C-alpha atoms as a PDB file:
ATOM      1  CA  MET A   1       0.000   0.000   0.000  1.00  0.00           C
ATOM      2  CA  ALA A   2       1.379   3.409  -0.998  1.00  0.00           C
ATOM      3  CA  ARG A   3       2.206   5.975   1.640  1.00  0.00           C
ATOM      4  CA  THR A   4      -0.268   8.765   2.357  1.00  0.00           C
ATOM      5  CA  GLU A   5       0.022  12.080   4.184  1.00  0.00           C
ATOM      6  CA  GLY A   6      -1.689  10.910   7.368  1.00  0.00           C
ATOM      7  CA  ASP A   7      -0.708   7.235   7.415  1.00  0.00           C
ATOM      8  CA  SER A   8       0.348   5.336  10.508  1.00  0.00           C
ATOM      9  CA  TRP A   9       2.501   2.301  11.290  1.00  0.00           C
ATOM     10  CA  ASP A  10       4.139   0.341  14.056  1.00  0.00           C
ATOM     11  CA  LEU A  11       7.387  -1.587  14.373  1.00  0.00           C
ATOM     12  CA  ALA A  12       5.899  -4.686  12.772  1.00  0.00           C
ATOM     13  CA  ASN A  13       4.562  -3.186   9.552  1.00  0.00           C
ATOM     14  CA  SER A  14       5.033  -0.547   6.866  1.00  0.00           C
ATOM     15  CA  VAL A  15       8.032   1.744   7.301  1.00  0.00           C
ATOM     16  CA  GLY A  16       8.239   0.761  10.970  1.00  0.00           C
ATOM     17  CA  ALA A  17       9.334  -2.744  10.014  1.00  0.00           C
ATOM     18  CA  THR A  18      12.476  -1.297   8.455  1.00  0.00           C
ATOM     19  CA  ALA A  19      13.547  -0.089  11.914  1.00  0.00           C
ATOM     20  CA  THR A  20      13.169  -3.647  13.162  1.00  0.00           C
ATOM     21  CA  MET A  21      15.198  -4.894  10.184  1.00  0.00           C
ATOM     22  CA  VAL A  22      18.028  -2.494  11.063  1.00  0.00           C
ATOM     23  CA  ALA A  23      17.991  -3.575  14.716  1.00  0.00           C
ATOM     24  CA  ALA A  24      18.080  -7.230  13.651  1.00  0.00           C
ATOM     25  CA  ALA A  25      21.103  -6.477  11.478  1.00  0.00           C
ATOM     26  CA  ARG A  26      22.845  -4.807  14.437  1.00  0.00           C
ATOM     27  CA  ALA A  27      22.119  -7.861  16.563  1.00  0.00           C
ATOM     28  CA  ALA A  28      23.538 -10.161  13.894  1.00  0.00           C
ATOM     29  CA  ALA A  29      26.594  -7.937  13.472  1.00  0.00           C
ATOM     30  CA  SER A  30      27.178  -8.004  17.222  1.00  0.00           C
ATOM     31  CA  LYS A  31      27.605 -11.785  17.075  1.00  0.00           C
ATOM     32  CA  ARG A  32      30.474 -11.607  14.591  1.00  0.00           C
ATOM     33  CA  PRO A  33      33.939 -12.680  15.857  1.00  0.00           C
ATOM     34  CA  GLN A  34      35.276  -9.120  15.518  1.00  0.00           C
ATOM     35  CA  PRO A  35      32.154  -6.927  15.570  1.00  0.00           C
ATOM     36  CA  VAL A  36      32.360  -3.352  14.310  1.00  0.00           C
ATOM     37  CA  VAL A  37      29.365  -2.516  16.505  1.00  0.00           C
ATOM     38  CA  THR A  38      28.148  -4.146  19.712  1.00  0.00           C
ATOM     39  CA  ASP A  39      24.485  -3.757  20.569  1.00  0.00           C
ATOM     40  CA  ASP A  40      23.382  -6.167  23.291  1.00  0.00           C
ATOM     41  CA  PHE A  41      19.918  -4.621  23.352  1.00  0.00           C
ATOM     42  CA  ALA A  42      19.085  -5.127  19.674  1.00  0.00           C
ATOM     43  CA  GLU A  43      18.107  -8.798  19.967  1.00  0.00           C
ATOM     44  CA  PRO A  44      15.643  -8.413  22.880  1.00  0.00           C
ATOM     45  CA  LEU A  45      14.064  -5.412  21.152  1.00  0.00           C
ATOM     46  CA  VAL A  46      13.630  -7.377  17.930  1.00  0.00           C
ATOM     47  CA  ARG A  47      12.247 -10.371  19.805  1.00  0.00           C
ATOM     48  CA  ALA A  48       9.683  -8.126  21.461  1.00  0.00           C
ATOM     49  CA  VAL A  49       8.465  -6.865  18.070  1.00  0.00           C
ATOM     50  CA  GLY A  50       7.831 -10.457  17.032  1.00  0.00           C
ATOM     51  CA  LEU A  51       8.560 -10.546  13.285  1.00  0.00           C
ATOM     52  CA  ASP A  52       9.746 -14.123  12.721  1.00  0.00           C
ATOM     53  CA  VAL A  53      12.393 -13.517  10.038  1.00  0.00           C
ATOM     54  CA  PHE A  54      14.025 -10.692  11.984  1.00  0.00           C
ATOM     55  CA  THR A  55      13.879 -12.596  15.272  1.00  0.00           C
ATOM     56  CA  LYS A  56      15.712 -15.487  13.597  1.00  0.00           C
ATOM     57  CA  LEU A  57      18.297 -13.114  12.127  1.00  0.00           C
ATOM     58  CA  ALA A  58      18.846 -11.356  15.460  1.00  0.00           C
ATOM     59  CA  SER A  59      19.165 -14.616  17.416  1.00  0.00           C
ATOM     60  CA  GLY A  60      21.579 -16.256  14.992  1.00  0.00           C
ATOM     61  CA  GLU A  61      19.102 -18.965  13.983  1.00  0.00           C
ATOM     62  CA  LEU A  62      19.139 -17.579  10.429  1.00  0.00           C
ATOM     63  CA  ASP A  63      22.483 -17.178   8.681  1.00  0.00           C
ATOM     64  CA  PRO A  64      22.873 -13.550   7.500  1.00  0.00           C
ATOM     65  CA  ASP A  65      24.467 -14.645   4.218  1.00  0.00           C
ATOM     66  CA  ASP A  66      21.516 -16.899   3.451  1.00  0.00           C
ATOM     67  CA  LEU A  67      18.998 -14.139   4.154  1.00  0.00           C
ATOM     68  CA  GLU A  68      20.946 -11.588   2.137  1.00  0.00           C
ATOM     69  CA  LYS A  69      20.990 -13.927  -0.863  1.00  0.00           C
ATOM     70  CA  ALA A  70      17.302 -14.721  -0.430  1.00  0.00           C
ATOM     71  CA  VAL A  71      16.168 -11.097  -0.440  1.00  0.00           C
ATOM     72  CA  GLY A  72      18.837  -9.667  -2.747  1.00  0.00           C
ATOM     73  CA  PHE A  73      20.258  -7.181  -0.213  1.00  0.00           C
ATOM     74  CA  HIS A  74      23.960  -7.942  -0.486  1.00  0.00           C
ATOM     75  CA  ARG A  75      26.043  -7.147   2.621  1.00  0.00           C
ATOM     76  CA  MET A  76      22.924  -5.991   4.497  1.00  0.00           C
ATOM     77  CA  VAL A  77      24.246  -6.776   7.973  1.00  0.00           C
ATOM     78  CA  ASP A  78      27.599  -5.137   7.252  1.00  0.00           C
ATOM     79  CA  THR A  79      25.838  -2.101   5.761  1.00  0.00           C
ATOM     80  CA  PHE A  80      23.843  -1.373   8.904  1.00  0.00           C
ATOM     81  CA  ALA A  81      26.774  -2.222  11.155  1.00  0.00           C
ATOM     82  CA  ALA A  82      28.975   0.261   9.281  1.00  0.00           C
ATOM     83  CA  ARG A  83      26.227   2.888   9.470  1.00  0.00           C
ATOM     84  CA  ALA A  84      25.821   2.359  13.215  1.00  0.00           C
ATOM     85  CA  ARG A  85      29.583   2.620  13.723  1.00  0.00           C
ATOM     86  CA  TYR A  86      29.680   5.867  11.692  1.00  0.00           C
ATOM     87  CA  PHE A  87      27.068   7.494  13.904  1.00  0.00           C
ATOM     88  CA  ASP A  88      28.537   6.026  17.116  1.00  0.00           C
ATOM     89  CA  ASP A  89      31.851   7.653  16.198  1.00  0.00           C
ATOM     90  CA  TYR A  90      30.022  10.905  15.491  1.00  0.00           C
ATOM     91  CA  PHE A  91      28.577  10.934  19.007  1.00  0.00           C
ATOM     92  CA  ALA A  92      31.955  10.081  20.520  1.00  0.00           C
ATOM     93  CA  ALA A  93      33.497  13.091  18.772  1.00  0.00           C
ATOM     94  CA  ALA A  94      30.622  15.336  19.850  1.00  0.00           C
ATOM     95  CA  GLY A  95      31.111  14.263  23.455  1.00  0.00           C
ATOM     96  CA  LEU A  96      34.834  15.009  23.285  1.00  0.00           C
ATOM     97  CA  ALA A  97      33.928  18.459  21.953  1.00  0.00           C
ATOM     98  CA  GLY A  98      31.849  19.079  25.069  1.00  0.00           C
ATOM     99  CA  LEU A  99      28.330  18.696  23.673  1.00  0.00           C
ATOM    100  CA  LEU A 100      26.099  17.414  26.468  1.00  0.00           C
ATOM    101  CA  GLN A 101      22.707  17.810  24.776  1.00  0.00           C
ATOM    102  CA  VAL A 102      21.739  15.090  22.281  1.00  0.00           C
ATOM    103  CA  VAL A 103      18.599  14.690  20.184  1.00  0.00           C
ATOM    104  CA  ILE A 104      17.825  11.495  18.274  1.00  0.00           C
ATOM    105  CA  VAL A 105      15.052  12.136  15.760  1.00  0.00           C
ATOM    106  CA  ALA A 106      12.719   9.218  14.945  1.00  0.00           C
ATOM    107  CA  SER A 107      14.679   7.083  17.403  1.00  0.00           C
ATOM    108  CA  GLY A 108      12.825   3.819  16.725  1.00  0.00           C
ATOM    109  CA  LEU A 109      14.809   0.911  18.181  1.00  0.00           C
ATOM    110  CA  ASP A 110      17.996   2.948  18.623  1.00  0.00           C
ATOM    111  CA  SER A 111      19.606   1.860  21.902  1.00  0.00           C
ATOM    112  CA  ARG A 112      22.418   4.420  22.075  1.00  0.00           C
ATOM    113  CA  ALA A 113      20.983   6.022  25.209  1.00  0.00           C
ATOM    114  CA  TYR A 114      21.626   2.655  26.888  1.00  0.00           C
ATOM    115  CA  ARG A 115      24.749   1.287  25.201  1.00  0.00           C
ATOM    116  CA  LEU A 116      27.088   4.245  24.588  1.00  0.00           C
ATOM    117  CA  ARG A 117      29.426   5.715  27.188  1.00  0.00           C
ATOM    118  CA  TRP A 118      28.178   9.269  27.430  1.00  0.00           C
ATOM    119  CA  PRO A 119      30.116  12.055  29.174  1.00  0.00           C
ATOM    120  CA  ILE A 120      28.877  12.864  32.651  1.00  0.00           C
ATOM    121  CA  GLY A 121      26.040  15.390  32.454  1.00  0.00           C
ATOM    122  CA  THR A 122      24.756  14.321  29.029  1.00  0.00           C
ATOM    123  CA  THR A 123      21.014  14.466  28.367  1.00  0.00           C
ATOM    124  CA  VAL A 124      19.657  12.387  25.494  1.00  0.00           C
ATOM    125  CA  TYR A 125      16.282  13.293  23.990  1.00  0.00           C
ATOM    126  CA  GLU A 126      14.542  10.665  21.873  1.00  0.00           C
ATOM    127  CA  ILE A 127      11.713  11.714  19.566  1.00  0.00           C
ATOM    128  CA  ASP A 128       9.311   9.205  18.033  1.00  0.00           C
ATOM    129  CA  GLN A 129       5.645   8.286  17.915  1.00  0.00           C
ATOM    130  CA  PRO A 130       4.166   7.759  21.399  1.00  0.00           C
ATOM    131  CA  GLU A 131       3.511   4.052  20.742  1.00  0.00           C
ATOM    132  CA  VAL A 132       7.107   3.446  19.661  1.00  0.00           C
ATOM    133  CA  ILE A 133       8.485   5.282  22.690  1.00  0.00           C
ATOM    134  CA  ALA A 134       6.193   3.337  25.027  1.00  0.00           C
ATOM    135  CA  PHE A 135       7.122   0.008  23.424  1.00  0.00           C
ATOM    136  CA  LYS A 136      10.859   0.551  23.709  1.00  0.00           C
ATOM    137  CA  THR A 137      10.644   1.963  27.232  1.00  0.00           C
ATOM    138  CA  ALA A 138       8.633  -1.038  28.430  1.00  0.00           C
ATOM    139  CA  THR A 139      10.918  -3.539  26.687  1.00  0.00           C
ATOM    140  CA  MET A 140      14.090  -2.011  28.093  1.00  0.00           C
ATOM    141  CA  SER A 141      12.575  -1.884  31.550  1.00  0.00           C
ATOM    142  CA  ALA A 142      11.542  -5.534  31.330  1.00  0.00           C
ATOM    143  CA  ILE A 143      15.134  -6.634  30.668  1.00  0.00           C
ATOM    144  CA  GLY A 144      16.502  -4.384  33.416  1.00  0.00           C
ATOM    145  CA  ALA A 145      18.305  -1.976  31.083  1.00  0.00           C
ATOM    146  CA  ALA A 146      19.218   1.437  32.427  1.00  0.00           C
ATOM    147  CA  PRO A 147      20.213   4.505  30.374  1.00  0.00           C
ATOM    148  CA  THR A 148      23.859   5.561  30.529  1.00  0.00           C
ATOM    149  CA  ALA A 149      22.839   9.223  30.301  1.00  0.00           C
ATOM    150  CA  GLU A 150      19.800  11.170  31.411  1.00  0.00           C
ATOM    151  CA  LEU A 151      17.146  10.025  28.953  1.00  0.00           C
ATOM    152  CA  ARG A 152      14.103  12.148  28.169  1.00  0.00           C
ATOM    153  CA  THR A 153      11.618  10.720  25.706  1.00  0.00           C
ATOM    154  CA  VAL A 154       9.354  12.875  23.556  1.00  0.00           C
ATOM    155  CA  GLY A 155       6.421  10.929  22.204  1.00  0.00           C
ATOM    156  CA  ILE A 156       5.161  12.849  19.203  1.00  0.00           C
ATOM    157  CA  ASP A 157       4.755  12.387  15.459  1.00  0.00           C
ATOM    158  CA  LEU A 158       7.208  14.459  13.414  1.00  0.00           C
ATOM    159  CA  ARG A 159       4.221  15.813  11.487  1.00  0.00           C
ATOM    160  CA  GLU A 160       3.138  17.605  14.657  1.00  0.00           C
ATOM    161  CA  ASP A 161       4.811  20.457  16.582  1.00  0.00           C
ATOM    162  CA  TRP A 162       7.713  18.399  17.844  1.00  0.00           C
ATOM    163  CA  PRO A 163      10.028  21.415  18.488  1.00  0.00           C
ATOM    164  CA  ALA A 164       7.553  22.701  21.098  1.00  0.00           C
ATOM    165  CA  ALA A 165       7.246  19.258  22.672  1.00  0.00           C
ATOM    166  CA  LEU A 166      11.038  18.901  22.733  1.00  0.00           C
ATOM    167  CA  GLN A 167      11.467  22.214  24.532  1.00  0.00           C
ATOM    168  CA  ALA A 168       8.675  21.328  26.935  1.00  0.00           C
ATOM    169  CA  ALA A 169      10.733  18.250  27.864  1.00  0.00           C
ATOM    170  CA  GLY A 170      13.625  20.503  28.879  1.00  0.00           C
ATOM    171  CA  PHE A 171      15.593  20.971  25.657  1.00  0.00           C
ATOM    172  CA  ASP A 172      17.503  24.284  25.658  1.00  0.00           C
ATOM    173  CA  PRO A 173      18.206  25.747  22.196  1.00  0.00           C
ATOM    174  CA  ALA A 174      20.834  28.039  23.747  1.00  0.00           C
ATOM    175  CA  HIS A 175      23.087  25.021  24.347  1.00  0.00           C
ATOM    176  CA  PRO A 176      24.990  23.325  21.502  1.00  0.00           C
ATOM    177  CA  THR A 177      23.290  20.111  20.475  1.00  0.00           C
ATOM    178  CA  ALA A 178      24.345  16.886  18.757  1.00  0.00           C
ATOM    179  CA  TRP A 179      21.483  15.923  16.432  1.00  0.00           C
ATOM    180  CA  LEU A 180      21.030  12.549  14.759  1.00  0.00           C
ATOM    181  CA  ALA A 181      18.573  11.710  11.980  1.00  0.00           C
ATOM    182  CA  GLU A 182      19.550   8.123  11.175  1.00  0.00           C
ATOM    183  CA  GLY A 183      17.388   6.380   8.611  1.00  0.00           C
ATOM    184  CA  VAL A 184      14.941   9.307   8.467  1.00  0.00           C
ATOM    185  CA  LEU A 185      15.884  11.251   5.335  1.00  0.00           C
ATOM    186  CA  ILE A 186      16.230   8.348   2.908  1.00  0.00           C
ATOM    187  CA  GLY A 187      12.834   8.479   1.248  1.00  0.00           C
ATOM    188  CA  TRP A 188      10.469   7.793   4.129  1.00  0.00           C
ATOM    189  CA  LEU A 189       9.326  11.452   4.165  1.00  0.00           C
ATOM    190  CA  PRO A 190       7.965  13.545   1.296  1.00  0.00           C
ATOM    191  CA  PRO A 191      10.685  15.898  -0.029  1.00  0.00           C
ATOM    192  CA  GLU A 192       8.933  18.951   1.412  1.00  0.00           C
ATOM    193  CA  ALA A 193       8.762  17.282   4.836  1.00  0.00           C
ATOM    194  CA  GLU A 194      12.515  16.659   4.711  1.00  0.00           C
ATOM    195  CA  VAL A 195      13.135  20.377   4.220  1.00  0.00           C
ATOM    196  CA  ARG A 196      10.635  21.184   6.961  1.00  0.00           C
ATOM    197  CA  LEU A 197      12.456  18.888   9.379  1.00  0.00           C
ATOM    198  CA  LEU A 198      15.822  20.490   8.644  1.00  0.00           C
ATOM    199  CA  ASP A 199      14.361  23.981   8.856  1.00  0.00           C
ATOM    200  CA  SER A 200      12.965  23.113  12.285  1.00  0.00           C
ATOM    201  CA  ILE A 201      16.328  21.845  13.526  1.00  0.00           C
ATOM    202  CA  ILE A 202      18.422  24.784  12.285  1.00  0.00           C
ATOM    203  CA  PRO A 203      16.899  27.508  14.529  1.00  0.00           C
ATOM    204  CA  LEU A 204      17.141  25.173  17.536  1.00  0.00           C
ATOM    205  CA  SER A 205      20.878  24.732  16.976  1.00  0.00           C
ATOM    206  CA  ALA A 206      23.242  27.059  18.817  1.00  0.00           C
ATOM    207  CA  GLU A 207      26.691  27.801  17.453  1.00  0.00           C
ATOM    208  CA  GLY A 208      28.838  24.684  17.708  1.00  0.00           C
ATOM    209  CA  SER A 209      25.893  22.318  17.314  1.00  0.00           C
ATOM    210  CA  ARG A 210      26.410  19.203  15.231  1.00  0.00           C
ATOM    211  CA  PHE A 211      24.171  17.208  12.939  1.00  0.00           C
ATOM    212  CA  ALA A 212      24.528  13.780  11.338  1.00  0.00           C
ATOM    213  CA  ALA A 213      22.292  11.886   8.952  1.00  0.00           C
ATOM    214  CA  ASP A 214      22.070   9.607   5.966  1.00  0.00           C
ATOM    215  CA  TYR A 215      20.100  10.935   3.019  1.00  0.00           C
ATOM    216  CA  GLY A 216      19.030  10.182  -0.517  1.00  0.00           C
ATOM    217  CA  THR A 217      16.687   7.317  -1.319  1.00  0.00           C
ATOM    218  CA  VAL A 218      16.561   3.588  -0.715  1.00  0.00           C
ATOM    219  CA  ILE A 219      15.021   3.195  -4.177  1.00  0.00           C
ATOM    220  CA  GLY A 220      17.033   4.181  -7.222  1.00  0.00           C
ATOM    221  CA  ALA A 221      15.464   5.632 -10.373  1.00  0.00           C
ATOM    222  CA  SER A 222      17.357   3.524 -12.909  1.00  0.00           C
ATOM    223  CA  PRO A 223      15.736   0.445 -14.481  1.00  0.00           C
ATOM    224  CA  GLU A 224      18.367  -1.705 -12.771  1.00  0.00           C
ATOM    225  CA  ALA A 225      17.535  -0.211  -9.358  1.00  0.00           C
ATOM    226  CA  GLN A 226      13.809  -0.642  -9.925  1.00  0.00           C
ATOM    227  CA  GLU A 227      14.362  -4.290 -10.821  1.00  0.00           C
ATOM    228  CA  GLN A 228      16.497  -4.729  -7.705  1.00  0.00           C
ATOM    229  CA  ALA A 229      13.652  -3.290  -5.614  1.00  0.00           C
ATOM    230  CA  ARG A 230      11.154  -5.644  -7.244  1.00  0.00           C
ATOM    231  CA  LEU A 231      13.317  -8.677  -6.568  1.00  0.00           C
ATOM    232  CA  MET A 232      13.866  -7.595  -2.960  1.00  0.00           C
ATOM    233  CA  THR A 233      10.108  -7.248  -2.442  1.00  0.00           C
ATOM    234  CA  GLU A 234       9.605 -10.771  -3.755  1.00  0.00           C
ATOM    235  CA  GLY A 235      12.445 -12.004  -1.566  1.00  0.00           C
ATOM    236  CA  TRP A 236      10.981 -10.503   1.594  1.00  0.00           C
ATOM    237  CA  ARG A 237       7.579 -11.933   0.673  1.00  0.00           C
ATOM    238  CA  ARG A 238       9.092 -15.420   0.489  1.00  0.00           C
ATOM    239  CA  GLN A 239      10.362 -14.797   4.017  1.00  0.00           C
ATOM    240  CA  GLY A 240       6.793 -14.066   5.129  1.00  0.00           C
ATOM    241  CA  LEU A 241       7.145 -10.284   5.206  1.00  0.00           C
ATOM    242  CA  GLU A 242       5.342  -7.695   3.122  1.00  0.00           C
ATOM    243  CA  MET A 243       7.977  -4.984   2.641  1.00  0.00           C
ATOM    244  CA  ASP A 244       7.671  -3.297  -0.743  1.00  0.00           C
ATOM    245  CA  LEU A 245      10.143  -0.422  -0.606  1.00  0.00           C
ATOM    246  CA  THR A 246       8.654   1.197  -3.699  1.00  0.00           C
ATOM    247  CA  SER A 247       5.362   1.663  -1.865  1.00  0.00           C
ATOM    248  CA  LEU A 248       6.984   2.711   1.417  1.00  0.00           C
ATOM    249  CA  THR A 249       9.034   5.564  -0.029  1.00  0.00           C
ATOM    250  CA  TYR A 250       7.841   8.875  -1.407  1.00  0.00           C
ATOM    251  CA  PRO A 251       8.598   9.730  -5.034  1.00  0.00           C
ATOM    252  CA  GLY A 252      10.329  12.894  -6.201  1.00  0.00           C
ATOM    253  CA  GLU A 253      13.766  14.389  -5.883  1.00  0.00           C
ATOM    254  CA  HIS A 254      14.825  14.115  -2.276  1.00  0.00           C
ATOM    255  CA  THR A 255      16.749  16.733  -0.353  1.00  0.00           C
ATOM    256  CA  ASP A 256      20.495  17.175  -0.626  1.00  0.00           C
ATOM    257  CA  VAL A 257      20.886  17.486   3.127  1.00  0.00           C
ATOM    258  CA  ALA A 258      24.567  18.479   3.037  1.00  0.00           C
ATOM    259  CA  ALA A 259      23.884  21.256   0.529  1.00  0.00           C
ATOM    260  CA  HIS A 260      20.906  22.540   2.511  1.00  0.00           C
ATOM    261  CA  LEU A 261      22.917  22.728   5.730  1.00  0.00           C
ATOM    262  CA  HIS A 262      25.870  24.337   3.963  1.00  0.00           C
ATOM    263  CA  GLU A 263      23.594  27.034   2.563  1.00  0.00           C
ATOM    264  CA  ASN A 264      22.428  27.733   6.107  1.00  0.00           C
ATOM    265  CA  GLY A 265      25.839  28.238   7.685  1.00  0.00           C
ATOM    266  CA  TRP A 266      27.002  24.726   8.543  1.00  0.00           C
ATOM    267  CA  HIS A 267      30.357  23.141   7.712  1.00  0.00           C
ATOM    268  CA  THR A 268      29.642  19.739   6.190  1.00  0.00           C
ATOM    269  CA  THR A 269      31.621  16.570   5.552  1.00  0.00           C
ATOM    270  CA  GLU A 270      30.096  13.989   3.225  1.00  0.00           C
ATOM    271  CA  SER A 271      30.785  10.264   2.940  1.00  0.00           C
ATOM    272  CA  ARG A 272      29.665   7.303   0.871  1.00  0.00           C
ATOM    273  CA  LEU A 273      28.889   3.792   2.057  1.00  0.00           C
ATOM    274  CA  THR A 274      32.269   2.653   0.735  1.00  0.00           C
ATOM    275  CA  ASP A 275      33.907   5.191   3.088  1.00  0.00           C
ATOM    276  CA  LEU A 276      31.945   3.796   6.036  1.00  0.00           C
ATOM    277  CA  PHE A 277      33.067   0.249   5.225  1.00  0.00           C
ATOM    278  CA  SER A 278      36.673   1.392   5.056  1.00  0.00           C
ATOM    279  CA  ALA A 279      36.446   3.311   8.352  1.00  0.00           C
ATOM    280  CA  ALA A 280      34.908   0.270  10.066  1.00  0.00           C
ATOM    281  CA  GLY A 281      37.628  -2.029   8.754  1.00  0.00           C
ATOM    282  CA  LEU A 282      35.161  -4.162   6.802  1.00  0.00           C
ATOM    283  CA  PRO A 283      36.042  -5.925   3.543  1.00  0.00           C
ATOM    284  CA  GLU A 284      35.260  -3.851   0.463  1.00  0.00           C
ATOM    285  CA  LEU A 285      31.689  -3.847  -0.816  1.00  0.00           C
ATOM    286  CA  GLY A 286      32.703  -5.365  -4.126  1.00  0.00           C
ATOM    287  CA  GLN A 287      29.767  -5.783  -6.511  1.00  0.00           C
ATOM    288  CA  ALA A 288      27.376  -4.257  -3.966  1.00  0.00           C
ATOM    289  CA  ALA A 289      29.181  -0.910  -4.385  1.00  0.00           C
ATOM    290  CA  GLN A 290      27.473  -0.594  -7.782  1.00  0.00           C
ATOM    291  CA  GLN A 291      23.984  -1.195  -6.371  1.00  0.00           C
ATOM    292  CA  VAL A 292      21.450   0.513  -4.134  1.00  0.00           C
ATOM    293  CA  PRO A 293      21.963   1.689  -1.399  1.00  0.00           C
ATOM    294  CA  ALA A 294      25.664   2.322  -2.029  1.00  0.00           C
ATOM    295  CA  THR A 295      24.864   4.348  -5.153  1.00  0.00           C
ATOM    296  CA  THR A 296      21.901   6.322  -3.796  1.00  0.00           C
ATOM    297  CA  ILE A 297      22.605   7.052  -0.114  1.00  0.00           C
ATOM    298  CA  ARG A 298      25.084   9.585   1.233  1.00  0.00           C
ATOM    299  CA  PHE A 299      26.114  10.434   4.762  1.00  0.00           C
ATOM    300  CA  VAL A 300      26.839  13.795   6.328  1.00  0.00           C
ATOM    301  CA  ARG A 301      28.313  15.193   9.495  1.00  0.00           C
ATOM    302  CA  ALA A 302      27.907  18.929   9.997  1.00  0.00           C
ATOM    303  CA  VAL A 303      28.884  21.651  12.477  1.00  0.00           C
ATOM    304  CA  ARG A 304      26.967  24.915  12.949  1.00  0.00           C
ATOM    305  CA  LEU A 305      29.424  27.789  12.471  1.00  0.00           C
END
């Protein structure tokens, strides 16, 4: 079913299921002999969602290579592990720079508030739909997990006045902030909503604030990319999951996030997926470097001047 302006979802269907997929990949990556990311909370979160294929991937019952071949997403686990490592390193650098205010936009099953070593005095704000926030909070509580920073959750849809809700939770725009929009600006929002999100973040960002995101689209426009998407949809369906990326993403030319920030007074540094693999010490992407998402997704870290 195609996306609509007022649609809804949870972590077991529609675009929400992609967050569960990413968490399952982190869990699988954490079980590798020399993991580039360690997320001990990913597996219990995925189990709590209850999607069979992702539970099997997260637990190790399903071999990642077999699943990747079945759905046509080559190096999927490594891709999301490298992405997680990229953003983990971003937060580490922000902490060393003295930023003690963190905002994770559309936090989903992100467990960084629990698994990273934050500097003393750090406050982490997580923004997501109320149901997602409640689900993760209850799941983490049930396994006895405790945040490693002061965690303040903001349960609100990004289509609503989330900046007001964020400030009501204690966020101070006068303090430099480390923002993260992981997996948000890659086609899940209409292009105009992407700009609106960025234009809401910019005035809340004091000098010295930082921002990191991936951006572009998970669906390429070329015939080859469209065929890849079709085959992936069929592959996921054979695994018992309805996840048609062409219907989950919005059409149109999506925002060049780095360019938009640069035009608004930010210093930006861009990377490609191949750069993330290299930084994480993973084997080269090989053939997958010529396919989506390596060809359609970029990554940015930015500092407000």
